Amino acid sequence: MSKKPRPYTGSYVAHICKKCGCMFIAEDYTKATAIPPTWRYCKSCCEKMGIDYNQQTPYRNRTPEERQKAKEKAERLKQAREIKNQNK
């Protein structure tokens, strides 16, 4: 199953890397609903983590399978936080 291409808005926007916090310029796929967007990794962080920089997608452009996986991960993190807070 191939992914739909991301909708490119025709403009660029400053992003903040969600790992190292640096600011970089990249294509605007979200119509800059959050300024500056923080959903993307910079190229150097992608290289370090072995992620394809061009395959990153904002949440709303994910496939249903990717969304379900993200929801499950968020739920596991929420449960881990609750357990950690109970043990304090």
PDB file of N, CA and C in Angstrom:
ATOM      1  N   MET A   1       0.840  -1.167   0.000  1.00  0.00           N
ATOM      2  CA  MET A   1       0.000   0.000   0.000  1.00  0.00           C
ATOM      3  C   MET A   1       0.890   1.236   0.000  1.00  0.00           C
ATOM      4  N   SER A   2       0.716   2.106  -0.973  1.00  0.00           N
ATOM      5  CA  SER A   2       1.547   3.302  -1.037  1.00  0.00           C
ATOM      6  C   SER A   2       0.859   4.462  -0.343  1.00  0.00           C
ATOM      7  N   LYS A   3       1.672   5.349   0.151  1.00  0.00           N
ATOM      8  CA  LYS A   3       1.154   6.515   0.861  1.00  0.00           C
ATOM      9  C   LYS A   3       0.699   7.575  -0.126  1.00  0.00           C
ATOM     10  N   LYS A   4      -0.311   8.352   0.282  1.00  0.00           N
ATOM     11  CA  LYS A   4      -0.703   9.506  -0.504  1.00  0.00           C
ATOM     12  C   LYS A   4       0.395  10.546  -0.387  1.00  0.00           C
ATOM     13  N   PRO A   5       0.658  11.287  -1.468  1.00  0.00           N
ATOM     14  CA  PRO A   5       1.636  12.366  -1.316  1.00  0.00           C
ATOM     15  C   PRO A   5       1.109  13.435  -0.373  1.00  0.00           C
ATOM     16  N   ARG A   6       2.014  14.033   0.365  1.00  0.00           N
ATOM     17  CA  ARG A   6       1.626  15.089   1.291  1.00  0.00           C
ATOM     18  C   ARG A   6       1.194  16.314   0.496  1.00  0.00           C
ATOM     19  N   PRO A   7       0.201  17.041   0.960  1.00  0.00           N
ATOM     20  CA  PRO A   7      -0.235  18.238   0.235  1.00  0.00           C
ATOM     21  C   PRO A   7       0.725  19.393   0.510  1.00  0.00           C
ATOM     22  N   TYR A   8       1.454  19.791  -0.505  1.00  0.00           N
ATOM     23  CA  TYR A   8       2.395  20.906  -0.372  1.00  0.00           C
ATOM     24  C   TYR A   8       1.644  22.198  -0.631  1.00  0.00           C
ATOM     25  N   THR A   9       1.746  23.143   0.294  1.00  0.00           N
ATOM     26  CA  THR A   9       0.984  24.386   0.190  1.00  0.00           C
ATOM     27  C   THR A   9       1.637  25.414  -0.725  1.00  0.00           C
ATOM     28  N   GLY A  10       2.860  25.133  -1.185  1.00  0.00           N
ATOM     29  CA  GLY A  10       3.535  26.056  -2.082  1.00  0.00           C
ATOM     30  C   GLY A  10       4.399  27.082  -1.368  1.00  0.00           C
ATOM     31  N   SER A  11       4.540  26.971  -0.069  1.00  0.00           N
ATOM     32  CA  SER A  11       5.357  27.933   0.664  1.00  0.00           C
ATOM     33  C   SER A  11       6.278  27.198   1.635  1.00  0.00           C
ATOM     34  N   TYR A  12       7.169  27.965   2.237  1.00  0.00           N
ATOM     35  CA  TYR A  12       8.103  27.429   3.216  1.00  0.00           C
ATOM     36  C   TYR A  12       7.845  28.098   4.562  1.00  0.00           C
ATOM     37  N   VAL A  13       8.218  27.399   5.627  1.00  0.00           N
ATOM     38  CA  VAL A  13       7.998  27.920   6.966  1.00  0.00           C
ATOM     39  C   VAL A  13       9.163  27.472   7.860  1.00  0.00           C
ATOM     40  N   ALA A  14       9.454  28.256   8.875  1.00  0.00           N
ATOM     41  CA  ALA A  14      10.480  27.868   9.843  1.00  0.00           C
ATOM     42  C   ALA A  14       9.900  26.788  10.751  1.00  0.00           C
ATOM     43  N   HIS A  15      10.656  25.734  10.970  1.00  0.00           N
ATOM     44  CA  HIS A  15      10.275  24.645  11.864  1.00  0.00           C
ATOM     45  C   HIS A  15      11.247  24.609  13.033  1.00  0.00           C
ATOM     46  N   ILE A  16      10.828  24.018  14.121  1.00  0.00           N
ATOM     47  CA  ILE A  16      11.727  23.743  15.240  1.00  0.00           C
ATOM     48  C   ILE A  16      11.855  22.226  15.343  1.00  0.00           C
ATOM     49  N   CYS A  17      13.094  21.748  15.350  1.00  0.00           N
ATOM     50  CA  CYS A  17      13.344  20.309  15.426  1.00  0.00           C
ATOM     51  C   CYS A  17      12.807  19.782  16.754  1.00  0.00           C
ATOM     52  N   LYS A  18      12.051  18.685  16.693  1.00  0.00           N
ATOM     53  CA  LYS A  18      11.473  18.158  17.931  1.00  0.00           C
ATOM     54  C   LYS A  18      12.468  17.353  18.761  1.00  0.00           C
ATOM     55  N   LYS A  19      13.710  17.171  18.267  1.00  0.00           N
ATOM     56  CA  LYS A  19      14.726  16.490  19.065  1.00  0.00           C
ATOM     57  C   LYS A  19      15.739  17.475  19.642  1.00  0.00           C
ATOM     58  N   CYS A  20      16.377  18.279  18.771  1.00  0.00           N
ATOM     59  CA  CYS A  20      17.462  19.151  19.255  1.00  0.00           C
ATOM     60  C   CYS A  20      17.030  20.593  19.461  1.00  0.00           C
ATOM     61  N   GLY A  21      15.861  20.984  18.960  1.00  0.00           N
ATOM     62  CA  GLY A  21      15.355  22.333  19.179  1.00  0.00           C
ATOM     63  C   GLY A  21      15.893  23.391  18.240  1.00  0.00           C
ATOM     64  N   CYS A  22      16.690  22.992  17.241  1.00  0.00           N
ATOM     65  CA  CYS A  22      17.205  23.996  16.304  1.00  0.00           C
ATOM     66  C   CYS A  22      16.086  24.433  15.349  1.00  0.00           C
ATOM     67  N   MET A  23      16.255  25.597  14.747  1.00  0.00           N
ATOM     68  CA  MET A  23      15.252  26.109  13.812  1.00  0.00           C
ATOM     69  C   MET A  23      15.775  25.919  12.397  1.00  0.00           C
ATOM     70  N   PHE A  24      14.899  25.472  11.484  1.00  0.00           N
ATOM     71  CA  PHE A  24      15.286  25.274  10.094  1.00  0.00           C
ATOM     72  C   PHE A  24      14.094  25.592   9.194  1.00  0.00           C
ATOM     73  N   ILE A  25      14.380  25.859   7.927  1.00  0.00           N
ATOM     74  CA  ILE A  25      13.351  26.196   6.942  1.00  0.00           C
ATOM     75  C   ILE A  25      13.002  24.939   6.149  1.00  0.00           C
ATOM     76  N   ALA A  26      11.714  24.672   5.983  1.00  0.00           N
ATOM     77  CA  ALA A  26      11.271  23.505   5.224  1.00  0.00           C
ATOM     78  C   ALA A  26       9.909  23.792   4.597  1.00  0.00           C
ATOM     79  N   GLU A  27       9.469  22.889   3.747  1.00  0.00           N
ATOM     80  CA  GLU A  27       8.183  23.021   3.081  1.00  0.00           C
ATOM     81  C   GLU A  27       7.056  23.076   4.112  1.00  0.00           C
ATOM     82  N   ASP A  28       6.014  23.795   3.781  1.00  0.00           N
ATOM     83  CA  ASP A  28       4.861  23.928   4.674  1.00  0.00           C
ATOM     84  C   ASP A  28       3.785  22.945   4.239  1.00  0.00           C
ATOM     85  N   TYR A  29       3.575  21.889   5.048  1.00  0.00           N
ATOM     86  CA  TYR A  29       2.552  20.889   4.752  1.00  0.00           C
ATOM     87  C   TYR A  29       1.328  21.040   5.646  1.00  0.00           C
ATOM     88  N   THR A  30       1.371  21.945   6.621  1.00  0.00           N
ATOM     89  CA  THR A  30       0.269  22.072   7.571  1.00  0.00           C
ATOM     90  C   THR A  30      -0.407  23.430   7.522  1.00  0.00           C
ATOM     91  N   LYS A  31      -0.051  24.236   6.541  1.00  0.00           N
ATOM     92  CA  LYS A  31      -0.556  25.606   6.438  1.00  0.00           C
ATOM     93  C   LYS A  31      -0.215  26.378   7.704  1.00  0.00           C
ATOM     94  N   ALA A  32       0.915  26.011   8.314  1.00  0.00           N
ATOM     95  CA  ALA A  32       1.471  26.679   9.491  1.00  0.00           C
ATOM     96  C   ALA A  32       0.428  26.948  10.562  1.00  0.00           C
ATOM     97  N   THR A  33      -0.296  25.906  10.966  1.00  0.00           N
ATOM     98  CA  THR A  33      -1.293  26.052  12.019  1.00  0.00           C
ATOM     99  C   THR A  33      -0.639  26.322  13.365  1.00  0.00           C
ATOM    100  N   ALA A  34       0.583  25.874  13.551  1.00  0.00           N
ATOM    101  CA  ALA A  34       1.357  26.188  14.749  1.00  0.00           C
ATOM    102  C   ALA A  34       2.629  26.875  14.286  1.00  0.00           C
ATOM    103  N   ILE A  35       2.866  28.065  14.751  1.00  0.00           N
ATOM    104  CA  ILE A  35       4.035  28.805  14.280  1.00  0.00           C
ATOM    105  C   ILE A  35       5.037  28.890  15.407  1.00  0.00           C
ATOM    106  N   PRO A  36       6.243  28.454  15.244  1.00  0.00           N
ATOM    107  CA  PRO A  36       6.705  27.567  14.186  1.00  0.00           C
ATOM    108  C   PRO A  36       6.310  26.118  14.487  1.00  0.00           C
ATOM    109  N   PRO A  37       6.062  25.322  13.441  1.00  0.00           N
ATOM    110  CA  PRO A  37       5.677  23.923  13.661  1.00  0.00           C
ATOM    111  C   PRO A  37       6.794  23.139  14.344  1.00  0.00           C
ATOM    112  N   THR A  38       6.419  22.163  15.138  1.00  0.00           N
ATOM    113  CA  THR A  38       7.400  21.353  15.874  1.00  0.00           C
ATOM    114  C   THR A  38       7.215  19.863  15.631  1.00  0.00           C
ATOM    115  N   TRP A  39       6.612  19.477  14.527  1.00  0.00           N
ATOM    116  CA  TRP A  39       6.332  18.061  14.282  1.00  0.00           C
ATOM    117  C   TRP A  39       7.444  17.372  13.517  1.00  0.00           C
ATOM    118  N   ARG A  40       8.494  18.067  13.151  1.00  0.00           N
ATOM    119  CA  ARG A  40       9.489  17.543  12.230  1.00  0.00           C
ATOM    120  C   ARG A  40      10.886  17.532  12.859  1.00  0.00           C
ATOM    121  N   TYR A  41      11.732  16.590  12.405  1.00  0.00           N
ATOM    122  CA  TYR A  41      13.134  16.545  12.796  1.00  0.00           C
ATOM    123  C   TYR A  41      13.977  17.276  11.751  1.00  0.00           C
ATOM    124  N   CYS A  42      15.072  17.909  12.171  1.00  0.00           N
ATOM    125  CA  CYS A  42      15.984  18.553  11.214  1.00  0.00           C
ATOM    126  C   CYS A  42      16.774  17.466  10.481  1.00  0.00           C
ATOM    127  N   LYS A  43      17.463  17.860   9.398  1.00  0.00           N
ATOM    128  CA  LYS A  43      18.192  16.879   8.588  1.00  0.00           C
ATOM    129  C   LYS A  43      19.291  16.174   9.375  1.00  0.00           C
ATOM    130  N   SER A  44      20.009  16.920  10.213  1.00  0.00           N
ATOM    131  CA  SER A  44      21.104  16.273  10.957  1.00  0.00           C
ATOM    132  C   SER A  44      20.565  15.254  11.965  1.00  0.00           C
ATOM    133  N   CYS A  45      19.461  15.560  12.627  1.00  0.00           N
ATOM    134  CA  CYS A  45      18.870  14.585  13.563  1.00  0.00           C
ATOM    135  C   CYS A  45      18.347  13.363  12.812  1.00  0.00           C
ATOM    136  N   CYS A  46      17.762  13.584  11.634  1.00  0.00           N
ATOM    137  CA  CYS A  46      17.285  12.453  10.825  1.00  0.00           C
ATOM    138  C   CYS A  46      18.428  11.539  10.446  1.00  0.00           C
ATOM    139  N   GLU A  47      19.562  12.135  10.054  1.00  0.00           N
ATOM    140  CA  GLU A  47      20.731  11.328   9.693  1.00  0.00           C
ATOM    141  C   GLU A  47      21.216  10.524  10.886  1.00  0.00           C
ATOM    142  N   LYS A  48      21.276  11.141  12.066  1.00  0.00           N
ATOM    143  CA  LYS A  48      21.743  10.459  13.273  1.00  0.00           C
ATOM    144  C   LYS A  48      20.811   9.312  13.665  1.00  0.00           C
ATOM    145  N   MET A  49      19.494   9.504  13.452  1.00  0.00           N
ATOM    146  CA  MET A  49      18.519   8.484  13.862  1.00  0.00           C
ATOM    147  C   MET A  49      18.214   7.496  12.741  1.00  0.00           C
ATOM    148  N   GLY A  50      18.718   7.746  11.532  1.00  0.00           N
ATOM    149  CA  GLY A  50      18.466   6.843  10.414  1.00  0.00           C
ATOM    150  C   GLY A  50      17.070   6.989   9.826  1.00  0.00           C
ATOM    151  N   ILE A  51      16.479   8.189   9.957  1.00  0.00           N
ATOM    152  CA  ILE A  51      15.135   8.462   9.435  1.00  0.00           C
ATOM    153  C   ILE A  51      15.266   9.168   8.098  1.00  0.00           C
ATOM    154  N   ASP A  52      14.396   8.849   7.153  1.00  0.00           N
ATOM    155  CA  ASP A  52      14.365   9.555   5.876  1.00  0.00           C
ATOM    156  C   ASP A  52      13.711  10.916   6.094  1.00  0.00           C
ATOM    157  N   TYR A  53      14.482  11.974   5.939  1.00  0.00           N
ATOM    158  CA  TYR A  53      14.005  13.337   6.186  1.00  0.00           C
ATOM    159  C   TYR A  53      12.751  13.660   5.378  1.00  0.00           C
ATOM    160  N   ASN A  54      12.693  13.209   4.132  1.00  0.00           N
ATOM    161  CA  ASN A  54      11.575  13.553   3.245  1.00  0.00           C
ATOM    162  C   ASN A  54      10.315  12.743   3.493  1.00  0.00           C
ATOM    163  N   GLN A  55      10.378  11.712   4.323  1.00  0.00           N
ATOM    164  CA  GLN A  55       9.200  10.882   4.582  1.00  0.00           C
ATOM    165  C   GLN A  55       8.447  11.271   5.847  1.00  0.00           C
ATOM    166  N   GLN A  56       8.872  12.320   6.545  1.00  0.00           N
ATOM    167  CA  GLN A  56       8.180  12.756   7.756  1.00  0.00           C
ATOM    168  C   GLN A  56       6.832  13.361   7.375  1.00  0.00           C
ATOM    169  N   THR A  57       5.816  13.057   8.157  1.00  0.00           N
ATOM    170  CA  THR A  57       4.488  13.609   7.874  1.00  0.00           C
ATOM    171  C   THR A  57       3.854  14.135   9.142  1.00  0.00           C
ATOM    172  N   PRO A  58       3.113  15.238   9.041  1.00  0.00           N
ATOM    173  CA  PRO A  58       2.370  15.697  10.209  1.00  0.00           C
ATOM    174  C   PRO A  58       1.253  14.711  10.526  1.00  0.00           C
ATOM    175  N   TYR A  59       0.738  14.770  11.745  1.00  0.00           N
ATOM    176  CA  TYR A  59      -0.254  13.794  12.205  1.00  0.00           C
ATOM    177  C   TYR A  59      -1.447  13.669  11.268  1.00  0.00           C
ATOM    178  N   ARG A  60      -1.967  14.782  10.795  1.00  0.00           N
ATOM    179  CA  ARG A  60      -3.192  14.683   9.999  1.00  0.00           C
ATOM    180  C   ARG A  60      -2.966  14.109   8.608  1.00  0.00           C
ATOM    181  N   ASN A  61      -1.720  13.960   8.173  1.00  0.00           N
ATOM    182  CA  ASN A  61      -1.438  13.355   6.872  1.00  0.00           C
ATOM    183  C   ASN A  61      -1.051  11.887   6.989  1.00  0.00           C
ATOM    184  N   ARG A  62      -1.149  11.326   8.177  1.00  0.00           N
ATOM    185  CA  ARG A  62      -0.785   9.931   8.370  1.00  0.00           C
ATOM    186  C   ARG A  62      -1.891   9.007   7.868  1.00  0.00           C
ATOM    187  N   THR A  63      -1.485   7.773   7.553  1.00  0.00           N
ATOM    188  CA  THR A  63      -2.457   6.761   7.165  1.00  0.00           C
ATOM    189  C   THR A  63      -3.209   6.315   8.419  1.00  0.00           C
ATOM    190  N   PRO A  64      -4.366   5.673   8.271  1.00  0.00           N
ATOM    191  CA  PRO A  64      -5.094   5.188   9.456  1.00  0.00           C
ATOM    192  C   PRO A  64      -4.255   4.247  10.319  1.00  0.00           C
ATOM    193  N   GLU A  65      -3.399   3.429   9.690  1.00  0.00           N
ATOM    194  CA  GLU A  65      -2.547   2.524  10.458  1.00  0.00           C
ATOM    195  C   GLU A  65      -1.533   3.310  11.285  1.00  0.00           C
ATOM    196  N   GLU A  66      -0.948   4.355  10.681  1.00  0.00           N
ATOM    197  CA  GLU A  66       0.015   5.175  11.408  1.00  0.00           C
ATOM    198  C   GLU A  66      -0.653   5.924  12.556  1.00  0.00           C
ATOM    199  N   ARG A  67      -1.868   6.384  12.342  1.00  0.00           N
ATOM    200  CA  ARG A  67      -2.593   7.081  13.407  1.00  0.00           C
ATOM    201  C   ARG A  67      -2.892   6.139  14.565  1.00  0.00           C
ATOM    202  N   GLN A  68      -3.301   4.914  14.261  1.00  0.00           N
ATOM    203  CA  GLN A  68      -3.603   3.939  15.308  1.00  0.00           C
ATOM    204  C   GLN A  68      -2.343   3.621  16.104  1.00  0.00           C
ATOM    205  N   LYS A  69      -1.220   3.457  15.406  1.00  0.00           N
ATOM    206  CA  LYS A  69       0.042   3.173  16.082  1.00  0.00           C
ATOM    207  C   LYS A  69       0.431   4.334  16.999  1.00  0.00           C
ATOM    208  N   ALA A  70       0.241   5.566  16.540  1.00  0.00           N
ATOM    209  CA  ALA A  70       0.560   6.740  17.354  1.00  0.00           C
ATOM    210  C   ALA A  70      -0.354   6.823  18.576  1.00  0.00           C
ATOM    211  N   LYS A  71      -1.636   6.503  18.404  1.00  0.00           N
ATOM    212  CA  LYS A  71      -2.565   6.516  19.531  1.00  0.00           C
ATOM    213  C   LYS A  71      -2.171   5.477  20.581  1.00  0.00           C
ATOM    214  N   GLU A  72      -1.792   4.290  20.119  1.00  0.00           N
ATOM    215  CA  GLU A  72      -1.379   3.240  21.045  1.00  0.00           C
ATOM    216  C   GLU A  72      -0.120   3.653  21.805  1.00  0.00           C
ATOM    217  N   LYS A  73       0.824   4.275  21.108  1.00  0.00           N
ATOM    218  CA  LYS A  73       2.044   4.733  21.761  1.00  0.00           C
ATOM    219  C   LYS A  73       1.732   5.801  22.802  1.00  0.00           C
ATOM    220  N   ALA A  74       0.849   6.742  22.452  1.00  0.00           N
ATOM    221  CA  ALA A  74       0.467   7.799  23.386  1.00  0.00           C
ATOM    222  C   ALA A  74      -0.208   7.210  24.627  1.00  0.00           C
ATOM    223  N   GLU A  75      -1.028   6.197  24.435  1.00  0.00           N
ATOM    224  CA  GLU A  75      -1.702   5.556  25.563  1.00  0.00           C
ATOM    225  C   GLU A  75      -0.696   4.857  26.475  1.00  0.00           C
ATOM    226  N   ARG A  76       0.301   4.176  25.884  1.00  0.00           N
ATOM    227  CA  ARG A  76       1.341   3.525  26.696  1.00  0.00           C
ATOM    228  C   ARG A  76       2.128   4.561  27.496  1.00  0.00           C
ATOM    229  N   LEU A  77       2.453   5.687  26.865  1.00  0.00           N
ATOM    230  CA  LEU A  77       3.182   6.743  27.570  1.00  0.00           C
ATOM    231  C   LEU A  77       2.347   7.327  28.704  1.00  0.00           C
ATOM    232  N   LYS A  78       1.053   7.489  28.467  1.00  0.00           N
ATOM    233  CA  LYS A  78       0.161   8.017  29.498  1.00  0.00           C
ATOM    234  C   LYS A  78       0.120   7.072  30.696  1.00  0.00           C
ATOM    235  N   GLN A  79       0.008   5.772  30.427  1.00  0.00           N
ATOM    236  CA  GLN A  79      -0.018   4.787  31.502  1.00  0.00           C
ATOM    237  C   GLN A  79       1.299   4.777  32.269  1.00  0.00           C
ATOM    238  N   ALA A  80       2.419   4.904  31.555  1.00  0.00           N
ATOM    239  CA  ALA A  80       3.726   4.925  32.215  1.00  0.00           C
ATOM    240  C   ALA A  80       3.856   6.151  33.118  1.00  0.00           C
ATOM    241  N   ARG A  81       3.352   7.308  32.657  1.00  0.00           N
ATOM    242  CA  ARG A  81       3.393   8.519  33.483  1.00  0.00           C
ATOM    243  C   ARG A  81       2.554   8.346  34.740  1.00  0.00           C
ATOM    244  N   GLU A  82       1.380   7.739  34.599  1.00  0.00           N
ATOM    245  CA  GLU A  82       0.510   7.521  35.759  1.00  0.00           C
ATOM    246  C   GLU A  82       1.183   6.611  36.775  1.00  0.00           C
ATOM    247  N   ILE A  83       1.822   5.557  36.305  1.00  0.00           N
ATOM    248  CA  ILE A  83       2.517   4.634  37.201  1.00  0.00           C
ATOM    249  C   ILE A  83       3.659   5.357  37.899  1.00  0.00           C
ATOM    250  N   LYS A  84       4.415   6.166  37.137  1.00  0.00           N
ATOM    251  CA  LYS A  84       5.530   6.915  37.716  1.00  0.00           C
ATOM    252  C   LYS A  84       5.033   7.884  38.787  1.00  0.00           C
ATOM    253  N   ASN A  85       3.910   8.565  38.523  1.00  0.00           N
ATOM    254  CA  ASN A  85       3.360   9.501  39.496  1.00  0.00           C
ATOM    255  C   ASN A  85       2.824   8.804  40.751  1.00  0.00           C
ATOM    256  N   GLN A  86       2.320   7.601  40.612  1.00  0.00           N
ATOM    257  CA  GLN A  86       1.823   6.840  41.758  1.00  0.00           C
ATOM    258  C   GLN A  86       2.965   6.398  42.662  1.00  0.00           C
ATOM    259  N   ASN A  87       4.137   6.162  42.056  1.00  0.00           N
ATOM    260  CA  ASN A  87       5.284   5.676  42.817  1.00  0.00           C
ATOM    261  C   ASN A  87       6.054   6.786  43.515  1.00  0.00           C
ATOM    262  N   LYS A  88       5.658   8.030  43.334  1.00  0.00           N
ATOM    263  CA  LYS A  88       6.356   9.148  43.990  1.00  0.00           C
ATOM    264  C   LYS A  88       5.979   9.250  45.433  1.00  0.00           C
TER     265      LYS A  88
END
